[in-house]
Amino acid sequence: MAYKALYREYRPQTFEEVVGQKQIVQTLKNSIKEGRIAHAYLFTGPRGTGKTTIAKLIAKAVNCTCEEEKPCGKCKNCLDIANGTYPDVIEIDAASNNNVDQAREIIEQVKYSPVEGKY
């Protein structure tokens, strides 16, 4: 069994589980519910404030196939994103992906349309 860091093991799986970012979460939930999703989001802040968690939740919500609350956490897209096996969601660590060649590789990957999801 592969090692999984605690912050990935216990990462919130719904917007309601996120602690300490109430205004941001509500704003993002409203934009997703209304279908007014921006072309890009930039999250900044110190370590441990939930930047990656919120980004993964947005990815789940916009690609969720469930008609009710998004993300549902039960559909195939939500489960694949949570497991890290969804081909259209790439989680990168800025600390280890910080040179020009790695940035070029990421730019090359995002040129193409999604394989499975809508976004």
PDB file of N, CA and C in Angstrom:
ATOM      1  N   MET A   1       0.843  -1.180   0.000  1.00  0.00           N
ATOM      2  CA  MET A   1       0.000   0.000   0.000  1.00  0.00           C
ATOM      3  C   MET A   1       0.886   1.240   0.000  1.00  0.00           C
ATOM      4  N   ALA A   2       0.576   2.173  -0.850  1.00  0.00           N
ATOM      5  CA  ALA A   2       1.364   3.384  -0.996  1.00  0.00           C
ATOM      6  C   ALA A   2       1.116   4.343   0.157  1.00  0.00           C
ATOM      7  N   TYR A   3       2.149   5.094   0.489  1.00  0.00           N
ATOM      8  CA  TYR A   3       2.045   6.092   1.546  1.00  0.00           C
ATOM      9  C   TYR A   3       1.153   7.234   1.083  1.00  0.00           C
ATOM     10  N   LYS A   4       0.268   7.683   1.958  1.00  0.00           N
ATOM     11  CA  LYS A   4      -0.599   8.811   1.654  1.00  0.00           C
ATOM     12  C   LYS A   4      -0.499   9.792   2.813  1.00  0.00           C
ATOM     13  N   ALA A   5      -0.135  11.029   2.506  1.00  0.00           N
ATOM     14  CA  ALA A   5       0.031  12.046   3.545  1.00  0.00           C
ATOM     15  C   ALA A   5      -1.292  12.296   4.263  1.00  0.00           C
ATOM     16  N   LEU A   6      -1.205  12.662   5.529  1.00  0.00           N
ATOM     17  CA  LEU A   6      -2.406  12.897   6.333  1.00  0.00           C
ATOM     18  C   LEU A   6      -3.302  13.975   5.741  1.00  0.00           C
ATOM     19  N   TYR A   7      -2.710  15.040   5.216  1.00  0.00           N
ATOM     20  CA  TYR A   7      -3.532  16.114   4.673  1.00  0.00           C
ATOM     21  C   TYR A   7      -4.309  15.661   3.434  1.00  0.00           C
ATOM     22  N   ARG A   8      -3.815  14.649   2.749  1.00  0.00           N
ATOM     23  CA  ARG A   8      -4.565  14.110   1.612  1.00  0.00           C
ATOM     24  C   ARG A   8      -5.583  13.080   2.070  1.00  0.00           C
ATOM     25  N   GLU A   9      -5.251  12.337   3.093  1.00  0.00           N
ATOM     26  CA  GLU A   9      -6.157  11.314   3.616  1.00  0.00           C
ATOM     27  C   GLU A   9      -7.412  11.944   4.227  1.00  0.00           C
ATOM     28  N   TYR A  10      -7.243  13.038   4.944  1.00  0.00           N
ATOM     29  CA  TYR A  10      -8.355  13.660   5.666  1.00  0.00           C
ATOM     30  C   TYR A  10      -8.790  14.984   5.054  1.00  0.00           C
ATOM     31  N   ARG A  11      -8.573  15.172   3.780  1.00  0.00           N
ATOM     32  CA  ARG A  11      -8.976  16.388   3.077  1.00  0.00           C
ATOM     33  C   ARG A  11     -10.506  16.438   3.003  1.00  0.00           C
ATOM     34  N   PRO A  12     -11.110  17.608   3.231  1.00  0.00           N
ATOM     35  CA  PRO A  12     -12.571  17.722   3.110  1.00  0.00           C
ATOM     36  C   PRO A  12     -13.052  17.295   1.725  1.00  0.00           C
ATOM     37  N   GLN A  13     -14.172  16.575   1.692  1.00  0.00           N
ATOM     38  CA  GLN A  13     -14.707  16.069   0.435  1.00  0.00           C
ATOM     39  C   GLN A  13     -15.922  16.860  -0.051  1.00  0.00           C
ATOM     40  N   THR A  14     -16.435  17.766   0.784  1.00  0.00           N
ATOM     41  CA  THR A  14     -17.543  18.636   0.392  1.00  0.00           C
ATOM     42  C   THR A  14     -17.241  20.050   0.871  1.00  0.00           C
ATOM     43  N   PHE A  15     -17.950  21.014   0.308  1.00  0.00           N
ATOM     44  CA  PHE A  15     -17.756  22.403   0.726  1.00  0.00           C
ATOM     45  C   PHE A  15     -18.142  22.599   2.191  1.00  0.00           C
ATOM     46  N   GLU A  16     -19.116  21.842   2.686  1.00  0.00           N
ATOM     47  CA  GLU A  16     -19.564  21.978   4.072  1.00  0.00           C
ATOM     48  C   GLU A  16     -18.496  21.551   5.082  1.00  0.00           C
ATOM     49  N   GLU A  17     -17.579  20.689   4.682  1.00  0.00           N
ATOM     50  CA  GLU A  17     -16.525  20.206   5.576  1.00  0.00           C
ATOM     51  C   GLU A  17     -15.350  21.173   5.691  1.00  0.00           C
ATOM     52  N   VAL A  18     -15.284  22.178   4.826  1.00  0.00           N
ATOM     53  CA  VAL A  18     -14.181  23.140   4.843  1.00  0.00           C
ATOM     54  C   VAL A  18     -14.362  24.070   6.042  1.00  0.00           C
ATOM     55  N   VAL A  19     -13.305  24.250   6.804  1.00  0.00           N
ATOM     56  CA  VAL A  19     -13.354  25.068   8.015  1.00  0.00           C
ATOM     57  C   VAL A  19     -12.549  26.343   7.799  1.00  0.00           C
ATOM     58  N   GLY A  20     -13.102  27.480   8.204  1.00  0.00           N
ATOM     59  CA  GLY A  20     -12.354  28.722   8.216  1.00  0.00           C
ATOM     60  C   GLY A  20     -12.372  29.530   6.936  1.00  0.00           C
ATOM     61  N   GLN A  21     -13.125  29.122   5.946  1.00  0.00           N
ATOM     62  CA  GLN A  21     -13.179  29.841   4.679  1.00  0.00           C
ATOM     63  C   GLN A  21     -14.633  30.057   4.269  1.00  0.00           C
ATOM     64  N   LYS A  22     -15.485  30.436   5.208  1.00  0.00           N
ATOM     65  CA  LYS A  22     -16.925  30.485   4.996  1.00  0.00           C
ATOM     66  C   LYS A  22     -17.336  31.398   3.830  1.00  0.00           C
ATOM     67  N   GLN A  23     -16.784  32.601   3.770  1.00  0.00           N
ATOM     68  CA  GLN A  23     -17.180  33.546   2.718  1.00  0.00           C
ATOM     69  C   GLN A  23     -16.745  33.058   1.339  1.00  0.00           C
ATOM     70  N   ILE A  24     -15.544  32.540   1.262  1.00  0.00           N
ATOM     71  CA  ILE A  24     -15.029  32.032  -0.017  1.00  0.00           C
ATOM     72  C   ILE A  24     -15.862  30.847  -0.490  1.00  0.00           C
ATOM     73  N   VAL A  25     -16.136  29.926   0.425  1.00  0.00           N
ATOM     74  CA  VAL A  25     -16.908  28.736   0.083  1.00  0.00           C
ATOM     75  C   VAL A  25     -18.300  29.129  -0.405  1.00  0.00           C
ATOM     76  N   GLN A  26     -18.950  30.051   0.288  1.00  0.00           N
ATOM     77  CA  GLN A  26     -20.296  30.469  -0.103  1.00  0.00           C
ATOM     78  C   GLN A  26     -20.290  31.136  -1.478  1.00  0.00           C
ATOM     79  N   THR A  27     -19.307  31.972  -1.733  1.00  0.00           N
ATOM     80  CA  THR A  27     -19.191  32.624  -3.036  1.00  0.00           C
ATOM     81  C   THR A  27     -19.000  31.602  -4.148  1.00  0.00           C
ATOM     82  N   LEU A  28     -18.129  30.635  -3.928  1.00  0.00           N
ATOM     83  CA  LEU A  28     -17.877  29.608  -4.938  1.00  0.00           C
ATOM     84  C   LEU A  28     -19.095  28.715  -5.148  1.00  0.00           C
ATOM     85  N   LYS A  29     -19.771  28.345  -4.076  1.00  0.00           N
ATOM     86  CA  LYS A  29     -20.983  27.530  -4.200  1.00  0.00           C
ATOM     87  C   LYS A  29     -22.053  28.255  -5.009  1.00  0.00           C
ATOM     88  N   ASN A  30     -22.213  29.558  -4.759  1.00  0.00           N
ATOM     89  CA  ASN A  30     -23.209  30.339  -5.502  1.00  0.00           C
ATOM     90  C   ASN A  30     -22.869  30.418  -6.988  1.00  0.00           C
ATOM     91  N   SER A  31     -21.591  30.623  -7.294  1.00  0.00           N
ATOM     92  CA  SER A  31     -21.201  30.716  -8.704  1.00  0.00           C
ATOM     93  C   SER A  31     -21.394  29.380  -9.417  1.00  0.00           C
ATOM     94  N   ILE A  32     -21.145  28.279  -8.734  1.00  0.00           N
ATOM     95  CA  ILE A  32     -21.334  26.956  -9.329  1.00  0.00           C
ATOM     96  C   ILE A  32     -22.823  26.680  -9.521  1.00  0.00           C
ATOM     97  N   LYS A  33     -23.633  27.022  -8.515  1.00  0.00           N
ATOM     98  CA  LYS A  33     -25.067  26.795  -8.605  1.00  0.00           C
ATOM     99  C   LYS A  33     -25.694  27.591  -9.749  1.00  0.00           C
ATOM    100  N   GLU A  34     -25.224  28.816  -9.947  1.00  0.00           N
ATOM    101  CA  GLU A  34     -25.764  29.671 -11.007  1.00  0.00           C
ATOM    102  C   GLU A  34     -25.125  29.408 -12.367  1.00  0.00           C
ATOM    103  N   GLY A  35     -24.092  28.574 -12.406  1.00  0.00           N
ATOM    104  CA  GLY A  35     -23.426  28.274 -13.665  1.00  0.00           C
ATOM    105  C   GLY A  35     -22.543  29.406 -14.157  1.00  0.00           C
ATOM    106  N   ARG A  36     -22.112  30.265 -13.257  1.00  0.00           N
ATOM    107  CA  ARG A  36     -21.260  31.402 -13.626  1.00  0.00           C
ATOM    108  C   ARG A  36     -19.832  31.140 -13.140  1.00  0.00           C
ATOM    109  N   ILE A  37     -19.185  30.212 -13.790  1.00  0.00           N
ATOM    110  CA  ILE A  37     -17.847  29.794 -13.389  1.00  0.00           C
ATOM    111  C   ILE A  37     -16.825  30.619 -14.160  1.00  0.00           C
ATOM    112  N   ALA A  38     -15.874  31.186 -13.446  1.00  0.00           N
ATOM    113  CA  ALA A  38     -14.816  31.984 -14.084  1.00  0.00           C
ATOM    114  C   ALA A  38     -13.878  31.081 -14.874  1.00  0.00           C
ATOM    115  N   HIS A  39     -13.158  31.666 -15.806  1.00  0.00           N
ATOM    116  CA  HIS A  39     -12.218  30.881 -16.615  1.00  0.00           C
ATOM    117  C   HIS A  39     -10.984  30.480 -15.814  1.00  0.00           C
ATOM    118  N   ALA A  40     -10.717  31.167 -14.707  1.00  0.00           N
ATOM    119  CA  ALA A  40      -9.565  30.824 -13.878  1.00  0.00           C
ATOM    120  C   ALA A  40      -9.785  31.330 -12.457  1.00  0.00           C
ATOM    121  N   TYR A  41      -9.192  30.642 -11.519  1.00  0.00           N
ATOM    122  CA  TYR A  41      -9.205  31.053 -10.115  1.00  0.00           C
ATOM    123  C   TYR A  41      -7.771  31.037  -9.609  1.00  0.00           C
ATOM    124  N   LEU A  42      -7.410  32.021  -8.824  1.00  0.00           N
ATOM    125  CA  LEU A  42      -6.072  32.103  -8.255  1.00  0.00           C
ATOM    126  C   LEU A  42      -6.202  32.087  -6.734  1.00  0.00           C
ATOM    127  N   PHE A  43      -5.660  31.054  -6.123  1.00  0.00           N
ATOM    128  CA  PHE A  43      -5.699  30.922  -4.668  1.00  0.00           C
ATOM    129  C   PHE A  43      -4.308  31.208  -4.122  1.00  0.00           C
ATOM    130  N   THR A  44      -4.231  32.105  -3.163  1.00  0.00           N
ATOM    131  CA  THR A  44      -2.949  32.430  -2.540  1.00  0.00           C
ATOM    132  C   THR A  44      -3.089  32.352  -1.035  1.00  0.00           C
ATOM    133  N   GLY A  45      -1.970  32.219  -0.371  1.00  0.00           N
ATOM    134  CA  GLY A  45      -1.962  32.194   1.083  1.00  0.00           C
ATOM    135  C   GLY A  45      -0.901  31.251   1.597  1.00  0.00           C
ATOM    136  N   PRO A  46      -0.709  31.263   2.907  1.00  0.00           N
ATOM    137  CA  PRO A  46       0.295  30.386   3.504  1.00  0.00           C
ATOM    138  C   PRO A  46      -0.124  28.914   3.467  1.00  0.00           C
ATOM    139  N   ARG A  47       0.825  28.050   3.779  1.00  0.00           N
ATOM    140  CA  ARG A  47       0.573  26.610   3.806  1.00  0.00           C
ATOM    141  C   ARG A  47      -0.564  26.282   4.764  1.00  0.00           C
ATOM    142  N   GLY A  48      -1.382  25.319   4.353  1.00  0.00           N
ATOM    143  CA  GLY A  48      -2.410  24.810   5.244  1.00  0.00           C
ATOM    144  C   GLY A  48      -3.701  25.613   5.287  1.00  0.00           C
ATOM    145  N   THR A  49      -3.878  26.552   4.365  1.00  0.00           N
ATOM    146  CA  THR A  49      -5.102  27.362   4.398  1.00  0.00           C
ATOM    147  C   THR A  49      -6.204  26.808   3.504  1.00  0.00           C
ATOM    148  N   GLY A  50      -5.952  25.734   2.763  1.00  0.00           N
ATOM    149  CA  GLY A  50      -7.000  25.091   1.987  1.00  0.00           C
ATOM    150  C   GLY A  50      -7.030  25.424   0.507  1.00  0.00           C
ATOM    151  N   LYS A  51      -5.942  25.927  -0.032  1.00  0.00           N
ATOM    152  CA  LYS A  51      -5.918  26.307  -1.446  1.00  0.00           C
ATOM    153  C   LYS A  51      -6.159  25.102  -2.354  1.00  0.00           C
ATOM    154  N   THR A  52      -5.431  24.042  -2.150  1.00  0.00           N
ATOM    155  CA  THR A  52      -5.572  22.850  -2.981  1.00  0.00           C
ATOM    156  C   THR A  52      -6.902  22.165  -2.725  1.00  0.00           C
ATOM    157  N   THR A  53      -7.332  22.149  -1.485  1.00  0.00           N
ATOM    158  CA  THR A  53      -8.607  21.527  -1.141  1.00  0.00           C
ATOM    159  C   THR A  53      -9.758  22.212  -1.864  1.00  0.00           C
ATOM    160  N   ILE A  54      -9.795  23.537  -1.833  1.00  0.00           N
ATOM    161  CA  ILE A  54     -10.853  24.278  -2.506  1.00  0.00           C
ATOM    162  C   ILE A  54     -10.777  24.055  -4.019  1.00  0.00           C
ATOM    163  N   ALA A  55      -9.577  24.021  -4.567  1.00  0.00           N
ATOM    164  CA  ALA A  55      -9.423  23.782  -6.010  1.00  0.00           C
ATOM    165  C   ALA A  55      -9.958  22.406  -6.398  1.00  0.00           C
ATOM    166  N   LYS A  56      -9.674  21.391  -5.591  1.00  0.00           N
ATOM    167  CA  LYS A  56     -10.184  20.044  -5.879  1.00  0.00           C
ATOM    168  C   LYS A  56     -11.699  19.998  -5.744  1.00  0.00           C
ATOM    169  N   LEU A  57     -12.257  20.711  -4.779  1.00  0.00           N
ATOM    170  CA  LEU A  57     -13.708  20.745  -4.618  1.00  0.00           C
ATOM    171  C   LEU A  57     -14.376  21.436  -5.809  1.00  0.00           C
ATOM    172  N   ILE A  58     -13.771  22.490  -6.308  1.00  0.00           N
ATOM    173  CA  ILE A  58     -14.310  23.154  -7.501  1.00  0.00           C
ATOM    174  C   ILE A  58     -14.258  22.194  -8.690  1.00  0.00           C
ATOM    175  N   ALA A  59     -13.146  21.497  -8.853  1.00  0.00           N
ATOM    176  CA  ALA A  59     -13.019  20.531  -9.952  1.00  0.00           C
ATOM    177  C   ALA A  59     -14.097  19.462  -9.853  1.00  0.00           C
ATOM    178  N   LYS A  60     -14.352  18.986  -8.646  1.00  0.00           N
ATOM    179  CA  LYS A  60     -15.416  17.998  -8.445  1.00  0.00           C
ATOM    180  C   LYS A  60     -16.773  18.581  -8.801  1.00  0.00           C
ATOM    181  N   ALA A  61     -17.042  19.781  -8.308  1.00  0.00           N
ATOM    182  CA  ALA A  61     -18.361  20.388  -8.487  1.00  0.00           C
ATOM    183  C   ALA A  61     -18.673  20.661  -9.951  1.00  0.00           C
ATOM    184  N   VAL A  62     -17.710  21.176 -10.706  1.00  0.00           N
ATOM    185  CA  VAL A  62     -17.999  21.510 -12.107  1.00  0.00           C
ATOM    186  C   VAL A  62     -18.068  20.275 -13.000  1.00  0.00           C
ATOM    187  N   ASN A  63     -17.479  19.163 -12.567  1.00  0.00           N
ATOM    188  CA  ASN A  63     -17.517  17.934 -13.351  1.00  0.00           C
ATOM    189  C   ASN A  63     -18.494  16.902 -12.804  1.00  0.00           C
ATOM    190  N   CYS A  64     -19.195  17.219 -11.734  1.00  0.00           N
ATOM    191  CA  CYS A  64     -20.143  16.300 -11.100  1.00  0.00           C
ATOM    192  C   CYS A  64     -21.337  16.075 -12.026  1.00  0.00           C
ATOM    193  N   THR A  65     -21.740  14.821 -12.171  1.00  0.00           N
ATOM    194  CA  THR A  65     -22.867  14.486 -13.036  1.00  0.00           C
ATOM    195  C   THR A  65     -24.182  14.415 -12.276  1.00  0.00           C
ATOM    196  N   CYS A  66     -24.146  14.571 -10.980  1.00  0.00           N
ATOM    197  CA  CYS A  66     -25.350  14.531 -10.149  1.00  0.00           C
ATOM    198  C   CYS A  66     -26.140  15.830 -10.329  1.00  0.00           C
ATOM    199  N   GLU A  67     -27.451  15.742 -10.263  1.00  0.00           N
ATOM    200  CA  GLU A  67     -28.296  16.915 -10.446  1.00  0.00           C
ATOM    201  C   GLU A  67     -28.544  17.671  -9.146  1.00  0.00           C
ATOM    202  N   GLU A  68     -28.355  17.022  -8.002  1.00  0.00           N
ATOM    203  CA  GLU A  68     -28.619  17.679  -6.727  1.00  0.00           C
ATOM    204  C   GLU A  68     -27.408  18.495  -6.278  1.00  0.00           C
ATOM    205  N   GLU A  69     -27.055  18.364  -5.010  1.00  0.00           N
ATOM    206  CA  GLU A  69     -25.931  19.098  -4.424  1.00  0.00           C
ATOM    207  C   GLU A  69     -24.624  18.694  -5.106  1.00  0.00           C
ATOM    208  N   LYS A  70     -23.839  19.687  -5.465  1.00  0.00           N
ATOM    209  CA  LYS A  70     -22.559  19.422  -6.126  1.00  0.00           C
ATOM    210  C   LYS A  70     -21.432  19.895  -5.232  1.00  0.00           C
ATOM    211  N   PRO A  71     -20.383  19.170  -5.029  1.00  0.00           N
ATOM    212  CA  PRO A  71     -20.130  17.817  -5.507  1.00  0.00           C
ATOM    213  C   PRO A  71     -20.859  16.780  -4.646  1.00  0.00           C
ATOM    214  N   CYS A  72     -21.348  15.732  -5.298  1.00  0.00           N
ATOM    215  CA  CYS A  72     -22.117  14.714  -4.583  1.00  0.00           C
ATOM    216  C   CYS A  72     -21.210  13.721  -3.861  1.00  0.00           C
ATOM    217  N   GLY A  73     -20.030  13.473  -4.415  1.00  0.00           N
ATOM    218  CA  GLY A  73     -19.109  12.511  -3.812  1.00  0.00           C
ATOM    219  C   GLY A  73     -19.462  11.074  -4.116  1.00  0.00           C
ATOM    220  N   LYS A  74     -20.469  10.848  -4.956  1.00  0.00           N
ATOM    221  CA  LYS A  74     -20.927   9.485  -5.246  1.00  0.00           C
ATOM    222  C   LYS A  74     -20.824   9.111  -6.720  1.00  0.00           C
ATOM    223  N   CYS A  75     -20.868  10.103  -7.601  1.00  0.00           N
ATOM    224  CA  CYS A  75     -20.800   9.786  -9.035  1.00  0.00           C
ATOM    225  C   CYS A  75     -19.369   9.384  -9.408  1.00  0.00           C
ATOM    226  N   LYS A  76     -19.236   8.827 -10.601  1.00  0.00           N
ATOM    227  CA  LYS A  76     -17.921   8.350 -11.052  1.00  0.00           C
ATOM    228  C   LYS A  76     -16.888   9.473 -11.095  1.00  0.00           C
ATOM    229  N   ASN A  77     -17.287  10.649 -11.608  1.00  0.00           N
ATOM    230  CA  ASN A  77     -16.336  11.756 -11.710  1.00  0.00           C
ATOM    231  C   ASN A  77     -15.847  12.196 -10.334  1.00  0.00           C
ATOM    232  N   CYS A  78     -16.757  12.335  -9.374  1.00  0.00           N
ATOM    233  CA  CYS A  78     -16.363  12.753  -8.015  1.00  0.00           C
ATOM    234  C   CYS A  78     -15.432  11.732  -7.367  1.00  0.00           C
ATOM    235  N   LEU A  79     -15.751  10.463  -7.525  1.00  0.00           N
ATOM    236  CA  LEU A  79     -14.917   9.416  -6.929  1.00  0.00           C
ATOM    237  C   LEU A  79     -13.531   9.371  -7.576  1.00  0.00           C
ATOM    238  N   ASP A  80     -13.476   9.514  -8.904  1.00  0.00           N
ATOM    239  CA  ASP A  80     -12.186   9.501  -9.592  1.00  0.00           C
ATOM    240  C   ASP A  80     -11.324  10.703  -9.209  1.00  0.00           C
ATOM    241  N   ILE A  81     -11.939  11.880  -9.066  1.00  0.00           N
ATOM    242  CA  ILE A  81     -11.175  13.066  -8.668  1.00  0.00           C
ATOM    243  C   ILE A  81     -10.651  12.891  -7.253  1.00  0.00           C
ATOM    244  N   ALA A  82     -11.472  12.348  -6.351  1.00  0.00           N
ATOM    245  CA  ALA A  82     -11.048  12.119  -4.970  1.00  0.00           C
ATOM    246  C   ALA A  82      -9.896  11.110  -4.897  1.00  0.00           C
ATOM    247  N   ASN A  83      -9.929  10.105  -5.769  1.00  0.00           N
ATOM    248  CA  ASN A  83      -8.879   9.082  -5.778  1.00  0.00           C
ATOM    249  C   ASN A  83      -7.636   9.508  -6.538  1.00  0.00           C
ATOM    250  N   GLY A  84      -7.725  10.616  -7.284  1.00  0.00           N
ATOM    251  CA  GLY A  84      -6.583  11.078  -8.068  1.00  0.00           C
ATOM    252  C   GLY A  84      -6.416  10.356  -9.383  1.00  0.00           C
ATOM    253  N   THR A  85      -7.473   9.693  -9.869  1.00  0.00           N
ATOM    254  CA  THR A  85      -7.385   8.934 -11.114  1.00  0.00           C
ATOM    255  C   THR A  85      -8.157   9.582 -12.259  1.00  0.00           C
ATOM    256  N   TYR A  86      -8.671  10.765 -12.049  1.00  0.00           N
ATOM    257  CA  TYR A  86      -9.430  11.463 -13.087  1.00  0.00           C
ATOM    258  C   TYR A  86      -8.438  12.110 -14.056  1.00  0.00           C
ATOM    259  N   PRO A  87      -8.540  11.825 -15.358  1.00  0.00           N
ATOM    260  CA  PRO A  87      -7.505  12.289 -16.291  1.00  0.00           C
ATOM    261  C   PRO A  87      -7.473  13.800 -16.526  1.00  0.00           C
ATOM    262  N   ASP A  88      -8.568  14.502 -16.230  1.00  0.00           N
ATOM    263  CA  ASP A  88      -8.634  15.930 -16.518  1.00  0.00           C
ATOM    264  C   ASP A  88      -8.240  16.815 -15.346  1.00  0.00           C
ATOM    265  N   VAL A  89      -7.968  16.235 -14.185  1.00  0.00           N
ATOM    266  CA  VAL A  89      -7.571  17.003 -13.005  1.00  0.00           C
ATOM    267  C   VAL A  89      -6.147  16.613 -12.639  1.00  0.00           C
ATOM    268  N   ILE A  90      -5.268  17.594 -12.648  1.00  0.00           N
ATOM    269  CA  ILE A  90      -3.859  17.358 -12.335  1.00  0.00           C
ATOM    270  C   ILE A  90      -3.514  18.155 -11.089  1.00  0.00           C
ATOM    271  N   GLU A  91      -3.126  17.475 -10.021  1.00  0.00           N
ATOM    272  CA  GLU A  91      -2.713  18.151  -8.796  1.00  0.00           C
ATOM    273  C   GLU A  91      -1.200  18.264  -8.802  1.00  0.00           C
ATOM    274  N   ILE A  92      -0.714  19.501  -8.727  1.00  0.00           N
ATOM    275  CA  ILE A  92       0.729  19.713  -8.724  1.00  0.00           C
ATOM    276  C   ILE A  92       1.141  20.388  -7.426  1.00  0.00           C
ATOM    277  N   ASP A  93       2.348  20.146  -7.040  1.00  0.00           N
ATOM    278  CA  ASP A  93       2.928  20.751  -5.851  1.00  0.00           C
ATOM    279  C   ASP A  93       3.885  21.838  -6.318  1.00  0.00           C
ATOM    280  N   ALA A  94       3.594  23.067  -5.948  1.00  0.00           N
ATOM    281  CA  ALA A  94       4.411  24.189  -6.410  1.00  0.00           C
ATOM    282  C   ALA A  94       5.843  24.116  -5.901  1.00  0.00           C
ATOM    283  N   ALA A  95       6.054  23.493  -4.762  1.00  0.00           N
ATOM    284  CA  ALA A  95       7.401  23.407  -4.206  1.00  0.00           C
ATOM    285  C   ALA A  95       8.314  22.531  -5.065  1.00  0.00           C
ATOM    286  N   SER A  96       7.750  21.496  -5.694  1.00  0.00           N
ATOM    287  CA  SER A  96       8.586  20.600  -6.485  1.00  0.00           C
ATOM    288  C   SER A  96       8.428  20.816  -7.993  1.00  0.00           C
ATOM    289  N   ASN A  97       7.496  21.645  -8.421  1.00  0.00           N
ATOM    290  CA  ASN A  97       7.299  21.937  -9.843  1.00  0.00           C
ATOM    291  C   ASN A  97       7.573  23.413 -10.077  1.00  0.00           C
ATOM    292  N   ASN A  98       8.833  23.779 -10.020  1.00  0.00           N
ATOM    293  CA  ASN A  98       9.146  25.208 -10.047  1.00  0.00           C
ATOM    294  C   ASN A  98      10.188  25.612 -11.082  1.00  0.00           C
ATOM    295  N   ASN A  99      10.481  24.756 -12.048  1.00  0.00           N
ATOM    296  CA  ASN A  99      11.422  25.211 -13.066  1.00  0.00           C
ATOM    297  C   ASN A  99      10.709  25.407 -14.405  1.00  0.00           C
ATOM    298  N   VAL A 100      11.372  25.987 -15.350  1.00  0.00           N
ATOM    299  CA  VAL A 100      10.770  26.377 -16.619  1.00  0.00           C
ATOM    300  C   VAL A 100      10.272  25.164 -17.403  1.00  0.00           C
ATOM    301  N   ASP A 101      11.045  24.093 -17.423  1.00  0.00           N
ATOM    302  CA  ASP A 101      10.637  22.909 -18.179  1.00  0.00           C
ATOM    303  C   ASP A 101       9.348  22.312 -17.628  1.00  0.00           C
ATOM    304  N   GLN A 102       9.210  22.283 -16.324  1.00  0.00           N
ATOM    305  CA  GLN A 102       7.978  21.757 -15.726  1.00  0.00           C
ATOM    306  C   GLN A 102       6.790  22.672 -16.026  1.00  0.00           C
ATOM    307  N   ALA A 103       7.002  23.973 -16.031  1.00  0.00           N
ATOM    308  CA  ALA A 103       5.932  24.911 -16.381  1.00  0.00           C
ATOM    309  C   ALA A 103       5.520  24.723 -17.839  1.00  0.00           C
ATOM    310  N   ARG A 104       6.471  24.526 -18.719  1.00  0.00           N
ATOM    311  CA  ARG A 104       6.163  24.283 -20.136  1.00  0.00           C
ATOM    312  C   ARG A 104       5.376  22.984 -20.318  1.00  0.00           C
ATOM    313  N   GLU A 105       5.726  21.980 -19.555  1.00  0.00           N
ATOM    314  CA  GLU A 105       5.021  20.700 -19.636  1.00  0.00           C
ATOM    315  C   GLU A 105       3.553  20.856 -19.198  1.00  0.00           C
ATOM    316  N   ILE A 106       3.328  21.618 -18.159  1.00  0.00           N
ATOM    317  CA  ILE A 106       1.963  21.864 -17.687  1.00  0.00           C
ATOM    318  C   ILE A 106       1.174  22.650 -18.733  1.00  0.00           C
ATOM    319  N   ILE A 107       1.794  23.662 -19.321  1.00  0.00           N
ATOM    320  CA  ILE A 107       1.134  24.456 -20.364  1.00  0.00           C
ATOM    321  C   ILE A 107       0.778  23.563 -21.555  1.00  0.00           C
ATOM    322  N   GLU A 108       1.659  22.647 -21.878  1.00  0.00           N
ATOM    323  CA  GLU A 108       1.397  21.718 -22.987  1.00  0.00           C
ATOM    324  C   GLU A 108       0.212  20.808 -22.670  1.00  0.00           C
ATOM    325  N   GLN A 109       0.084  20.382 -21.436  1.00  0.00           N
ATOM    326  CA  GLN A 109      -1.015  19.489 -21.044  1.00  0.00           C
ATOM    327  C   GLN A 109      -2.368  20.185 -21.052  1.00  0.00           C
ATOM    328  N   VAL A 110      -2.429  21.447 -20.691  1.00  0.00           N
ATOM    329  CA  VAL A 110      -3.720  22.129 -20.582  1.00  0.00           C
ATOM    330  C   VAL A 110      -4.211  22.714 -21.899  1.00  0.00           C
ATOM    331  N   LYS A 111      -3.484  22.543 -22.962  1.00  0.00           N
ATOM    332  CA  LYS A 111      -3.906  23.033 -24.276  1.00  0.00           C
ATOM    333  C   LYS A 111      -5.132  22.298 -24.804  1.00  0.00           C
ATOM    334  N   TYR A 112      -5.239  21.041 -24.462  1.00  0.00           N
ATOM    335  CA  TYR A 112      -6.228  20.165 -25.069  1.00  0.00           C
ATOM    336  C   TYR A 112      -7.546  20.152 -24.301  1.00  0.00           C
ATOM    337  N   SER A 113      -8.625  19.808 -24.983  1.00  0.00           N
ATOM    338  CA  SER A 113      -9.942  19.701 -24.373  1.00  0.00           C
ATOM    339  C   SER A 113      -9.954  18.567 -23.352  1.00  0.00           C
ATOM    340  N   PRO A 114     -10.882  18.618 -22.399  1.00  0.00           N
ATOM    341  CA  PRO A 114     -10.975  17.548 -21.405  1.00  0.00           C
ATOM    342  C   PRO A 114     -11.268  16.196 -22.041  1.00  0.00           C
ATOM    343  N   VAL A 115     -10.754  15.144 -21.447  1.00  0.00           N
ATOM    344  CA  VAL A 115     -10.954  13.792 -21.939  1.00  0.00           C
ATOM    345  C   VAL A 115     -12.336  13.278 -21.541  1.00  0.00           C
ATOM    346  N   GLU A 116     -12.683  13.411 -20.255  1.00  0.00           N
ATOM    347  CA  GLU A 116     -13.947  12.874 -19.746  1.00  0.00           C
ATOM    348  C   GLU A 116     -14.922  13.970 -19.325  1.00  0.00           C
ATOM    349  N   GLY A 117     -14.450  14.959 -18.648  1.00  0.00           N
ATOM    350  CA  GLY A 117     -15.331  15.950 -18.038  1.00  0.00           C
ATOM    351  C   GLY A 117     -15.719  17.081 -18.951  1.00  0.00           C
ATOM    352  N   LYS A 118     -16.606  17.937 -18.421  1.00  0.00           N
ATOM    353  CA  LYS A 118     -17.045  19.112 -19.159  1.00  0.00           C
ATOM    354  C   LYS A 118     -15.979  20.198 -19.101  1.00  0.00           C
ATOM    355  N   TYR A 119     -15.282  20.276 -17.968  1.00  0.00           N
ATOM    356  CA  TYR A 119     -14.271  21.313 -17.763  1.00  0.00           C
ATOM    357  C   TYR A 119     -12.928  20.667 -17.466  1.00  0.00           C
TER     358      TYR A 119
END
